[in-house]
Amino acid sequence: MFLIYYFFKQFKPMKTDSNHYTLGYLKINTDPENQIIVSKRQDEIKLEDGKSHVEDFGEMPPEWSQPLLDRYKVYDKQQN
């Protein structure tokens, strides 16, 4: 019985506090120069989500259309 007790006694509980923040939290609470980086990353994620959603369902949600349109304008300017 004591062997089982000492076996489980060596395991420590997992830390529950973490320093992982969401992009929404960082967009509001971080420095202005980092907010630009966070906004770009959110747009990249929206772009990938928009592509997969269009491939799956054939429609574009209205909240995702603006980042895609902005990306298309940049791409179109690079082609010309």
PDB file of N, CA and C in Angstrom:
ATOM      1  N   MET A   1       0.816  -1.189   0.000  1.00  0.00           N
ATOM      2  CA  MET A   1       0.000   0.000   0.000  1.00  0.00           C
ATOM      3  C   MET A   1       0.868   1.264   0.000  1.00  0.00           C
ATOM      4  N   PHE A   2       1.944   1.228   0.771  1.00  0.00           N
ATOM      5  CA  PHE A   2       2.826   2.383   0.829  1.00  0.00           C
ATOM      6  C   PHE A   2       3.549   2.609  -0.497  1.00  0.00           C
ATOM      7  N   LEU A   3       3.795   1.539  -1.225  1.00  0.00           N
ATOM      8  CA  LEU A   3       4.451   1.697  -2.517  1.00  0.00           C
ATOM      9  C   LEU A   3       3.575   2.496  -3.484  1.00  0.00           C
ATOM     10  N   ILE A   4       2.298   2.228  -3.471  1.00  0.00           N
ATOM     11  CA  ILE A   4       1.374   2.964  -4.335  1.00  0.00           C
ATOM     12  C   ILE A   4       1.324   4.435  -3.909  1.00  0.00           C
ATOM     13  N   TYR A   5       1.289   4.666  -2.608  1.00  0.00           N
ATOM     14  CA  TYR A   5       1.247   6.033  -2.090  1.00  0.00           C
ATOM     15  C   TYR A   5       2.473   6.816  -2.548  1.00  0.00           C
ATOM     16  N   TYR A   6       3.655   6.266  -2.390  1.00  0.00           N
ATOM     17  CA  TYR A   6       4.869   6.965  -2.757  1.00  0.00           C
ATOM     18  C   TYR A   6       5.031   7.081  -4.272  1.00  0.00           C
ATOM     19  N   PHE A   7       4.455   6.131  -4.997  1.00  0.00           N
ATOM     20  CA  PHE A   7       4.491   6.224  -6.453  1.00  0.00           C
ATOM     21  C   PHE A   7       3.701   7.451  -6.930  1.00  0.00           C
ATOM     22  N   PHE A   8       2.487   7.639  -6.419  1.00  0.00           N
ATOM     23  CA  PHE A   8       1.665   8.766  -6.833  1.00  0.00           C
ATOM     24  C   PHE A   8       2.087  10.083  -6.180  1.00  0.00           C
ATOM     25  N   LYS A   9       2.818  10.017  -5.110  1.00  0.00           N
ATOM     26  CA  LYS A   9       3.280  11.220  -4.435  1.00  0.00           C
ATOM     27  C   LYS A   9       4.315  11.980  -5.264  1.00  0.00           C
ATOM     28  N   GLN A  10       5.043  11.284  -6.112  1.00  0.00           N
ATOM     29  CA  GLN A  10       6.083  11.932  -6.891  1.00  0.00           C
ATOM     30  C   GLN A  10       5.538  12.800  -8.021  1.00  0.00           C
ATOM     31  N   PHE A  11       4.284  12.624  -8.407  1.00  0.00           N
ATOM     32  CA  PHE A  11       3.698  13.428  -9.475  1.00  0.00           C
ATOM     33  C   PHE A  11       3.204  14.756  -8.919  1.00  0.00           C
ATOM     34  N   LYS A  12       3.578  15.826  -9.581  1.00  0.00           N
ATOM     35  CA  LYS A  12       3.171  17.163  -9.151  1.00  0.00           C
ATOM     36  C   LYS A  12       1.964  17.613  -9.973  1.00  0.00           C
ATOM     37  N   PRO A  13       1.112  18.437  -9.401  1.00  0.00           N
ATOM     38  CA  PRO A  13      -0.023  18.936 -10.181  1.00  0.00           C
ATOM     39  C   PRO A  13       0.446  19.876 -11.292  1.00  0.00           C
ATOM     40  N   MET A  14      -0.326  19.914 -12.361  1.00  0.00           N
ATOM     41  CA  MET A  14       0.020  20.731 -13.503  1.00  0.00           C
ATOM     42  C   MET A  14      -0.284  22.201 -13.219  1.00  0.00           C
ATOM     43  N   LYS A  15       0.566  23.088 -13.709  1.00  0.00           N
ATOM     44  CA  LYS A  15       0.322  24.511 -13.539  1.00  0.00           C
ATOM     45  C   LYS A  15      -0.879  24.919 -14.389  1.00  0.00           C
ATOM     46  N   THR A  16      -1.774  25.671 -13.805  1.00  0.00           N
ATOM     47  CA  THR A  16      -2.956  26.086 -14.558  1.00  0.00           C
ATOM     48  C   THR A  16      -2.833  27.500 -15.097  1.00  0.00           C
ATOM     49  N   ASP A  17      -1.890  28.273 -14.596  1.00  0.00           N
ATOM     50  CA  ASP A  17      -1.717  29.625 -15.123  1.00  0.00           C
ATOM     51  C   ASP A  17      -0.855  29.565 -16.378  1.00  0.00           C
ATOM     52  N   SER A  18      -1.190  30.377 -17.350  1.00  0.00           N
ATOM     53  CA  SER A  18      -0.419  30.404 -18.579  1.00  0.00           C
ATOM     54  C   SER A  18      -0.333  31.832 -19.088  1.00  0.00           C
ATOM     55  N   ASN A  19       0.603  32.053 -19.955  1.00  0.00           N
ATOM     56  CA  ASN A  19       0.798  33.366 -20.552  1.00  0.00           C
ATOM     57  C   ASN A  19       0.389  33.380 -22.014  1.00  0.00           C
ATOM     58  N   HIS A  20      -0.521  32.512 -22.397  1.00  0.00           N
ATOM     59  CA  HIS A  20      -0.986  32.447 -23.770  1.00  0.00           C
ATOM     60  C   HIS A  20      -2.225  33.319 -23.907  1.00  0.00           C
ATOM     61  N   TYR A  21      -2.150  34.325 -24.766  1.00  0.00           N
ATOM     62  CA  TYR A  21      -3.258  35.242 -24.957  1.00  0.00           C
ATOM     63  C   TYR A  21      -3.848  35.043 -26.349  1.00  0.00           C
ATOM     64  N   THR A  22      -5.114  35.367 -26.494  1.00  0.00           N
ATOM     65  CA  THR A  22      -5.752  35.288 -27.800  1.00  0.00           C
ATOM     66  C   THR A  22      -5.393  36.516 -28.615  1.00  0.00           C
ATOM     67  N   LEU A  23      -5.635  36.428 -29.918  1.00  0.00           N
ATOM     68  CA  LEU A  23      -5.350  37.573 -30.779  1.00  0.00           C
ATOM     69  C   LEU A  23      -6.267  38.743 -30.462  1.00  0.00           C
ATOM     70  N   GLY A  24      -7.502  38.470 -30.081  1.00  0.00           N
ATOM     71  CA  GLY A  24      -8.422  39.541 -29.709  1.00  0.00           C
ATOM     72  C   GLY A  24      -7.952  40.296 -28.481  1.00  0.00           C
ATOM     73  N   TYR A  25      -7.438  39.583 -27.503  1.00  0.00           N
ATOM     74  CA  TYR A  25      -6.904  40.216 -26.296  1.00  0.00           C
ATOM     75  C   TYR A  25      -5.688  41.069 -26.644  1.00  0.00           C
ATOM     76  N   LEU A  26      -4.807  40.521 -27.485  1.00  0.00           N
ATOM     77  CA  LEU A  26      -3.597  41.259 -27.851  1.00  0.00           C
ATOM     78  C   LEU A  26      -3.920  42.487 -28.687  1.00  0.00           C
ATOM     79  N   LYS A  27      -4.944  42.391 -29.522  1.00  0.00           N
ATOM     80  CA  LYS A  27      -5.306  43.532 -30.361  1.00  0.00           C
ATOM     81  C   LYS A  27      -5.759  44.719 -29.517  1.00  0.00           C
ATOM     82  N   ILE A  28      -6.379  44.456 -28.388  1.00  0.00           N
ATOM     83  CA  ILE A  28      -6.879  45.515 -27.522  1.00  0.00           C
ATOM     84  C   ILE A  28      -5.822  45.966 -26.518  1.00  0.00           C
ATOM     85  N   ASN A  29      -5.078  45.060 -25.924  1.00  0.00           N
ATOM     86  CA  ASN A  29      -4.243  45.353 -24.758  1.00  0.00           C
ATOM     87  C   ASN A  29      -2.747  45.445 -25.007  1.00  0.00           C
ATOM     88  N   THR A  30      -2.297  45.433 -26.224  1.00  0.00           N
ATOM     89  CA  THR A  30      -0.861  45.467 -26.465  1.00  0.00           C
ATOM     90  C   THR A  30      -0.431  46.836 -26.998  1.00  0.00           C
ATOM     91  N   ASP A  31       0.857  46.997 -27.209  1.00  0.00           N
ATOM     92  CA  ASP A  31       1.399  48.253 -27.717  1.00  0.00           C
ATOM     93  C   ASP A  31       0.920  48.508 -29.148  1.00  0.00           C
ATOM     94  N   PRO A  32       0.880  49.776 -29.577  1.00  0.00           N
ATOM     95  CA  PRO A  32       0.396  50.088 -30.931  1.00  0.00           C
ATOM     96  C   PRO A  32       1.206  49.428 -32.047  1.00  0.00           C
ATOM     97  N   GLU A  33       2.514  49.313 -31.879  1.00  0.00           N
ATOM     98  CA  GLU A  33       3.294  48.674 -32.941  1.00  0.00           C
ATOM     99  C   GLU A  33       2.999  47.180 -33.038  1.00  0.00           C
ATOM    100  N   ASN A  34       2.644  46.559 -31.924  1.00  0.00           N
ATOM    101  CA  ASN A  34       2.273  45.141 -31.958  1.00  0.00           C
ATOM    102  C   ASN A  34       0.845  44.939 -32.437  1.00  0.00           C
ATOM    103  N   GLN A  35      -0.012  45.941 -32.280  1.00  0.00           N
ATOM    104  CA  GLN A  35      -1.390  45.830 -32.759  1.00  0.00           C
ATOM    105  C   GLN A  35      -1.430  45.688 -34.272  1.00  0.00           C
ATOM    106  N   ILE A  36      -0.503  46.325 -34.956  1.00  0.00           N
ATOM    107  CA  ILE A  36      -0.434  46.203 -36.415  1.00  0.00           C
ATOM    108  C   ILE A  36      -0.105  44.762 -36.804  1.00  0.00           C
ATOM    109  N   ILE A  37       0.837  44.156 -36.104  1.00  0.00           N
ATOM    110  CA  ILE A  37       1.219  42.768 -36.376  1.00  0.00           C
ATOM    111  C   ILE A  37       0.052  41.828 -36.091  1.00  0.00           C
ATOM    112  N   VAL A  38      -0.655  42.069 -34.992  1.00  0.00           N
ATOM    113  CA  VAL A  38      -1.798  41.231 -34.637  1.00  0.00           C
ATOM    114  C   VAL A  38      -2.897  41.350 -35.681  1.00  0.00           C
ATOM    115  N   SER A  39      -3.154  42.558 -36.162  1.00  0.00           N
ATOM    116  CA  SER A  39      -4.190  42.756 -37.182  1.00  0.00           C
ATOM    117  C   SER A  39      -3.832  42.037 -38.476  1.00  0.00           C
ATOM    118  N   LYS A  40      -2.551  42.089 -38.868  1.00  0.00           N
ATOM    119  CA  LYS A  40      -2.127  41.376 -40.076  1.00  0.00           C
ATOM    120  C   LYS A  40      -2.309  39.881 -39.918  1.00  0.00           C
ATOM    121  N   ARG A  41      -1.969  39.376 -38.744  1.00  0.00           N
ATOM    122  CA  ARG A  41      -2.115  37.930 -38.513  1.00  0.00           C
ATOM    123  C   ARG A  41      -3.584  37.517 -38.511  1.00  0.00           C
ATOM    124  N   GLN A  42      -4.456  38.349 -37.939  1.00  0.00           N
ATOM    125  CA  GLN A  42      -5.887  38.052 -37.963  1.00  0.00           C
ATOM    126  C   GLN A  42      -6.405  38.033 -39.399  1.00  0.00           C
ATOM    127  N   ASP A  43      -5.916  38.960 -40.227  1.00  0.00           N
ATOM    128  CA  ASP A  43      -6.337  38.976 -41.624  1.00  0.00           C
ATOM    129  C   ASP A  43      -5.863  37.739 -42.368  1.00  0.00           C
ATOM    130  N   GLU A  44      -4.651  37.265 -42.054  1.00  0.00           N
ATOM    131  CA  GLU A  44      -4.158  36.040 -42.677  1.00  0.00           C
ATOM    132  C   GLU A  44      -5.014  34.841 -42.289  1.00  0.00           C
ATOM    133  N   ILE A  45      -5.408  34.788 -41.026  1.00  0.00           N
ATOM    134  CA  ILE A  45      -6.259  33.683 -40.572  1.00  0.00           C
ATOM    135  C   ILE A  45      -7.625  33.753 -41.239  1.00  0.00           C
ATOM    136  N   LYS A  46      -8.175  34.969 -41.343  1.00  0.00           N
ATOM    137  CA  LYS A  46      -9.466  35.134 -42.019  1.00  0.00           C
ATOM    138  C   LYS A  46      -9.370  34.725 -43.480  1.00  0.00           C
ATOM    139  N   LEU A  47      -8.244  35.030 -44.116  1.00  0.00           N
ATOM    140  CA  LEU A  47      -8.058  34.656 -45.509  1.00  0.00           C
ATOM    141  C   LEU A  47      -8.102  33.142 -45.680  1.00  0.00           C
ATOM    142  N   GLU A  48      -7.362  32.428 -44.840  1.00  0.00           N
ATOM    143  CA  GLU A  48      -7.350  30.963 -44.930  1.00  0.00           C
ATOM    144  C   GLU A  48      -8.721  30.376 -44.603  1.00  0.00           C
ATOM    145  N   ASP A  49      -9.393  30.914 -43.576  1.00  0.00           N
ATOM    146  CA  ASP A  49     -10.729  30.440 -43.236  1.00  0.00           C
ATOM    147  C   ASP A  49     -11.710  30.714 -44.367  1.00  0.00           C
ATOM    148  N   GLY A  50     -11.581  31.884 -44.981  1.00  0.00           N
ATOM    149  CA  GLY A  50     -12.466  32.246 -46.089  1.00  0.00           C
ATOM    150  C   GLY A  50     -12.285  31.328 -47.278  1.00  0.00           C
ATOM    151  N   LYS A  51     -11.038  30.994 -47.588  1.00  0.00           N
ATOM    152  CA  LYS A  51     -10.780  30.089 -48.706  1.00  0.00           C
ATOM    153  C   LYS A  51     -11.404  28.717 -48.465  1.00  0.00           C
ATOM    154  N   SER A  52     -11.201  28.178 -47.290  1.00  0.00           N
ATOM    155  CA  SER A  52     -11.742  26.842 -47.009  1.00  0.00           C
ATOM    156  C   SER A  52     -13.269  26.864 -46.946  1.00  0.00           C
ATOM    157  N   HIS A  53     -13.852  27.960 -46.430  1.00  0.00           N
ATOM    158  CA  HIS A  53     -15.308  28.042 -46.360  1.00  0.00           C
ATOM    159  C   HIS A  53     -15.915  28.129 -47.763  1.00  0.00           C
ATOM    160  N   VAL A  54     -15.282  28.909 -48.644  1.00  0.00           N
ATOM    161  CA  VAL A  54     -15.786  29.027 -50.013  1.00  0.00           C
ATOM    162  C   VAL A  54     -15.667  27.699 -50.734  1.00  0.00           C
ATOM    163  N   GLU A  55     -14.563  26.994 -50.526  1.00  0.00           N
ATOM    164  CA  GLU A  55     -14.409  25.686 -51.165  1.00  0.00           C
ATOM    165  C   GLU A  55     -15.451  24.699 -50.683  1.00  0.00           C
ATOM    166  N   ASP A  56     -15.800  24.768 -49.399  1.00  0.00           N
ATOM    167  CA  ASP A  56     -16.750  23.820 -48.844  1.00  0.00           C
ATOM    168  C   ASP A  56     -18.196  24.164 -49.189  1.00  0.00           C
ATOM    169  N   PHE A  57     -18.568  25.440 -49.087  1.00  0.00           N
ATOM    170  CA  PHE A  57     -19.971  25.818 -49.187  1.00  0.00           C
ATOM    171  C   PHE A  57     -20.309  26.669 -50.405  1.00  0.00           C
ATOM    172  N   GLY A  58     -19.333  27.243 -51.080  1.00  0.00           N
ATOM    173  CA  GLY A  58     -19.589  28.039 -52.268  1.00  0.00           C
ATOM    174  C   GLY A  58     -20.143  29.423 -51.989  1.00  0.00           C
ATOM    175  N   GLU A  59     -20.020  29.912 -50.779  1.00  0.00           N
ATOM    176  CA  GLU A  59     -20.503  31.251 -50.446  1.00  0.00           C
ATOM    177  C   GLU A  59     -19.474  31.935 -49.547  1.00  0.00           C
ATOM    178  N   MET A  60     -19.480  33.267 -49.553  1.00  0.00           N
ATOM    179  CA  MET A  60     -18.549  34.032 -48.740  1.00  0.00           C
ATOM    180  C   MET A  60     -19.313  34.786 -47.667  1.00  0.00           C
ATOM    181  N   PRO A  61     -19.018  34.541 -46.388  1.00  0.00           N
ATOM    182  CA  PRO A  61     -19.644  35.339 -45.336  1.00  0.00           C
ATOM    183  C   PRO A  61     -19.244  36.805 -45.468  1.00  0.00           C
ATOM    184  N   PRO A  62     -20.146  37.740 -45.213  1.00  0.00           N
ATOM    185  CA  PRO A  62     -19.837  39.154 -45.444  1.00  0.00           C
ATOM    186  C   PRO A  62     -18.707  39.701 -44.582  1.00  0.00           C
ATOM    187  N   GLU A  63     -18.515  39.165 -43.379  1.00  0.00           N
ATOM    188  CA  GLU A  63     -17.452  39.703 -42.522  1.00  0.00           C
ATOM    189  C   GLU A  63     -16.060  39.291 -42.997  1.00  0.00           C
ATOM    190  N   TRP A  64     -15.954  38.327 -43.907  1.00  0.00           N
ATOM    191  CA  TRP A  64     -14.657  37.888 -44.400  1.00  0.00           C
ATOM    192  C   TRP A  64     -14.300  38.504 -45.739  1.00  0.00           C
ATOM    193  N   SER A  65     -15.208  39.222 -46.362  1.00  0.00           N
ATOM    194  CA  SER A  65     -14.957  39.696 -47.721  1.00  0.00           C
ATOM    195  C   SER A  65     -13.941  40.836 -47.773  1.00  0.00           C
ATOM    196  N   GLN A  66     -13.899  41.707 -46.779  1.00  0.00           N
ATOM    197  CA  GLN A  66     -13.002  42.858 -46.845  1.00  0.00           C
ATOM    198  C   GLN A  66     -11.520  42.463 -46.829  1.00  0.00           C
ATOM    199  N   PRO A  67     -11.052  41.583 -45.945  1.00  0.00           N
ATOM    200  CA  PRO A  67      -9.633  41.188 -46.020  1.00  0.00           C
ATOM    201  C   PRO A  67      -9.280  40.511 -47.340  1.00  0.00           C
ATOM    202  N   LEU A  68     -10.203  39.730 -47.896  1.00  0.00           N
ATOM    203  CA  LEU A  68      -9.924  39.090 -49.179  1.00  0.00           C
ATOM    204  C   LEU A  68      -9.838  40.120 -50.297  1.00  0.00           C
ATOM    205  N   LEU A  69     -10.734  41.107 -50.268  1.00  0.00           N
ATOM    206  CA  LEU A  69     -10.693  42.163 -51.271  1.00  0.00           C
ATOM    207  C   LEU A  69      -9.405  42.977 -51.168  1.00  0.00           C
ATOM    208  N   ASP A  70      -8.976  43.284 -49.953  1.00  0.00           N
ATOM    209  CA  ASP A  70      -7.718  44.013 -49.762  1.00  0.00           C
ATOM    210  C   ASP A  70      -6.536  43.211 -50.290  1.00  0.00           C
ATOM    211  N   ARG A  71      -6.516  41.931 -50.013  1.00  0.00           N
ATOM    212  CA  ARG A  71      -5.432  41.072 -50.498  1.00  0.00           C
ATOM    213  C   ARG A  71      -5.435  41.001 -52.020  1.00  0.00           C
ATOM    214  N   TYR A  72      -6.636  40.955 -52.621  1.00  0.00           N
ATOM    215  CA  TYR A  72      -6.732  40.903 -54.072  1.00  0.00           C
ATOM    216  C   TYR A  72      -6.213  42.196 -54.704  1.00  0.00           C
ATOM    217  N   LYS A  73      -6.511  43.331 -54.098  1.00  0.00           N
ATOM    218  CA  LYS A  73      -6.036  44.616 -54.632  1.00  0.00           C
ATOM    219  C   LYS A  73      -4.517  44.676 -54.601  1.00  0.00           C
ATOM    220  N   VAL A  74      -3.910  44.212 -53.532  1.00  0.00           N
ATOM    221  CA  VAL A  74      -2.443  44.198 -53.459  1.00  0.00           C
ATOM    222  C   VAL A  74      -1.880  43.255 -54.504  1.00  0.00           C
ATOM    223  N   TYR A  75      -2.474  42.089 -54.653  1.00  0.00           N
ATOM    224  CA  TYR A  75      -2.010  41.105 -55.628  1.00  0.00           C
ATOM    225  C   TYR A  75      -2.164  41.649 -57.047  1.00  0.00           C
ATOM    226  N   ASP A  76      -3.278  42.331 -57.318  1.00  0.00           N
ATOM    227  CA  ASP A  76      -3.535  42.868 -58.651  1.00  0.00           C
ATOM    228  C   ASP A  76      -2.537  43.977 -58.986  1.00  0.00           C
ATOM    229  N   LYS A  77      -2.170  44.805 -57.996  1.00  0.00           N
ATOM    230  CA  LYS A  77      -1.191  45.849 -58.238  1.00  0.00           C
ATOM    231  C   LYS A  77       0.181  45.249 -58.526  1.00  0.00           C
ATOM    232  N   GLN A  78       0.514  44.136 -57.900  1.00  0.00           N
ATOM    233  CA  GLN A  78       1.813  43.509 -58.139  1.00  0.00           C
ATOM    234  C   GLN A  78       1.882  42.890 -59.534  1.00  0.00           C
ATOM    235  N   GLN A  79       0.747  42.453 -60.062  1.00  0.00           N
ATOM    236  CA  GLN A  79       0.727  41.837 -61.386  1.00  0.00           C
ATOM    237  C   GLN A  79       0.869  42.880 -62.492  1.00  0.00           C
ATOM    238  N   ASN A  80       0.371  44.085 -62.255  1.00  0.00           N
ATOM    239  CA  ASN A  80       0.421  45.134 -63.288  1.00  0.00           C
ATOM    240  C   ASN A  80       1.627  45.975 -63.183  1.00  0.00           C
TER     241      ASN A  80
END
